[in-house]
Amino acid sequence: AGNSGYRYELTDLGEYTPLTKSLINSEKIKVGDLFNFDGHISMLVGIDDNNFYVAESLNTLGGLVVMKYPKSTVNKTFHHVVLMDELYKVDGSLTDMWY
């Protein structure tokens, strides 16, 4: 997830932005963005009208899984998002689902 000097952040790929209700509803969050909570990083791999689909790996989940988080409560699990627009803006094939 990058070479972070931050013990609990786990990425140096972009700026950590608080995951607020306003940001969640702004449509600025896109597939490929990174969600974070202390010591954990995950990737957003799908979006629909009501949910975010997040690829993450934790021992308690049994390895790599895609979890569905309602937009209305996702910020109770994840505290920050790293918006990856700068990395993906030239991709041209970005879609709302990667899995």
Protein backbone atom coordinates (compact mmCIF):
# COMPACT_ATOMS: atom_id res chain seq x y z
CA ALA A 1 0.00 0.00 0.00
CA GLY A 2 2.98 2.30 -0.35
CA ASN A 3 5.91 3.27 1.82
CA SER A 4 4.18 5.22 4.54
CA GLY A 5 6.04 6.72 7.44
CA TYR A 6 2.76 6.77 9.29
CA ARG A 7 2.36 3.79 11.57
CA TYR A 8 -1.41 3.51 11.20
CA GLU A 9 -2.07 4.95 7.76
CA LEU A 10 -0.57 2.26 5.48
CA THR A 11 -0.32 4.28 2.28
CA ASP A 12 1.57 7.22 0.87
CA LEU A 13 -0.38 7.33 -2.39
CA GLY A 14 -2.45 10.40 -1.55
CA GLU A 15 -3.99 12.69 1.00
CA TYR A 16 -6.20 11.25 3.73
CA THR A 17 -9.59 12.94 3.59
CA PRO A 18 -12.09 12.46 6.40
CA LEU A 19 -14.96 10.25 5.25
CA THR A 20 -17.87 12.59 6.01
CA LYS A 21 -21.54 12.24 5.04
CA SER A 22 -21.08 15.28 2.80
CA LEU A 23 -18.20 13.64 0.90
CA ILE A 24 -20.08 10.33 0.66
CA ASN A 25 -23.04 12.11 -0.95
CA SER A 26 -20.89 14.29 -3.25
CA GLU A 27 -20.11 11.57 -5.84
CA LYS A 28 -16.40 12.50 -5.57
CA ILE A 29 -15.60 9.01 -4.27
CA LYS A 30 -14.88 6.66 -7.17
CA VAL A 31 -13.96 3.05 -7.80
CA GLY A 32 -10.23 2.67 -7.11
CA ASP A 33 -10.19 5.01 -4.12
CA LEU A 34 -8.74 3.71 -0.84
CA PHE A 35 -10.70 3.49 2.41
CA ASN A 36 -8.87 3.50 5.74
CA PHE A 37 -9.29 3.00 9.43
CA ASP A 38 -6.44 2.73 11.93
CA GLY A 39 -4.01 0.12 10.64
CA HIS A 40 -6.19 -1.04 7.73
CA ILE A 41 -6.36 -0.04 4.07
CA SER A 42 -8.87 -1.30 1.49
CA MET A 43 -9.88 -0.52 -2.09
CA LEU A 44 -13.27 0.52 -3.37
CA VAL A 45 -14.12 -1.89 -6.21
CA GLY A 46 -17.78 -1.11 -6.80
CA ILE A 47 -20.48 1.49 -6.29
CA ASP A 48 -24.22 1.40 -6.75
CA ASP A 49 -26.97 3.79 -5.64
CA ASN A 50 -26.92 2.66 -2.01
CA ASN A 51 -23.67 0.78 -1.39
CA PHE A 52 -19.91 0.75 -1.65
CA TYR A 53 -18.21 -2.59 -2.45
CA VAL A 54 -14.82 -2.76 -0.78
CA ALA A 55 -12.01 -5.28 -1.34
CA GLU A 56 -10.16 -5.92 1.88
CA SER A 57 -8.17 -8.60 3.61
CA LEU A 58 -8.30 -9.30 7.32
CA ASN A 59 -7.64 -12.51 9.23
CA THR A 60 -11.11 -12.19 10.74
CA LEU A 61 -12.62 -12.20 7.23
CA GLY A 62 -10.73 -15.30 6.09
CA GLY A 63 -8.54 -13.58 3.51
CA LEU A 64 -9.37 -11.29 0.60
CA VAL A 65 -13.09 -10.59 0.28
CA VAL A 66 -15.39 -7.98 -1.21
CA MET A 67 -17.66 -6.54 1.46
CA LYS A 68 -20.78 -4.44 0.89
CA TYR A 69 -21.07 -1.29 3.02
CA PRO A 70 -24.18 0.89 2.91
CA LYS A 71 -23.37 4.49 2.00
CA SER A 72 -25.47 5.56 4.98
CA THR A 73 -23.14 3.87 7.49
CA VAL A 74 -19.77 3.30 5.75
CA ASN A 75 -18.14 6.08 7.77
CA LYS A 76 -18.82 4.12 10.96
CA THR A 77 -16.29 1.54 9.71
CA PHE A 78 -13.87 3.61 7.63
CA HIS A 79 -12.58 6.97 8.83
CA HIS A 80 -10.73 8.29 5.77
CA VAL A 81 -10.64 7.98 2.02
CA VAL A 82 -7.68 8.53 -0.29
CA LEU A 83 -9.09 9.95 -3.52
CA MET A 84 -7.08 8.42 -6.35
CA ASP A 85 -8.21 10.69 -9.20
CA GLU A 86 -4.66 11.73 -10.03
CA LEU A 87 -3.62 8.12 -10.64
CA TYR A 88 -6.71 7.02 -12.53
CA LYS A 89 -7.74 10.12 -14.49
CA VAL A 90 -5.98 9.03 -17.69
CA ASP A 91 -7.23 5.44 -17.48
CA GLY A 92 -10.28 6.00 -19.68
CA SER A 93 -11.86 2.67 -18.70
CA LEU A 94 -12.90 3.46 -15.13
CA THR A 95 -16.30 1.94 -14.37
CA ASP A 96 -18.53 1.68 -11.32
CA MET A 97 -17.65 -2.01 -10.86
CA TRP A 98 -14.23 -3.70 -10.95
CA TYR A 99 -15.24 -7.12 -9.74
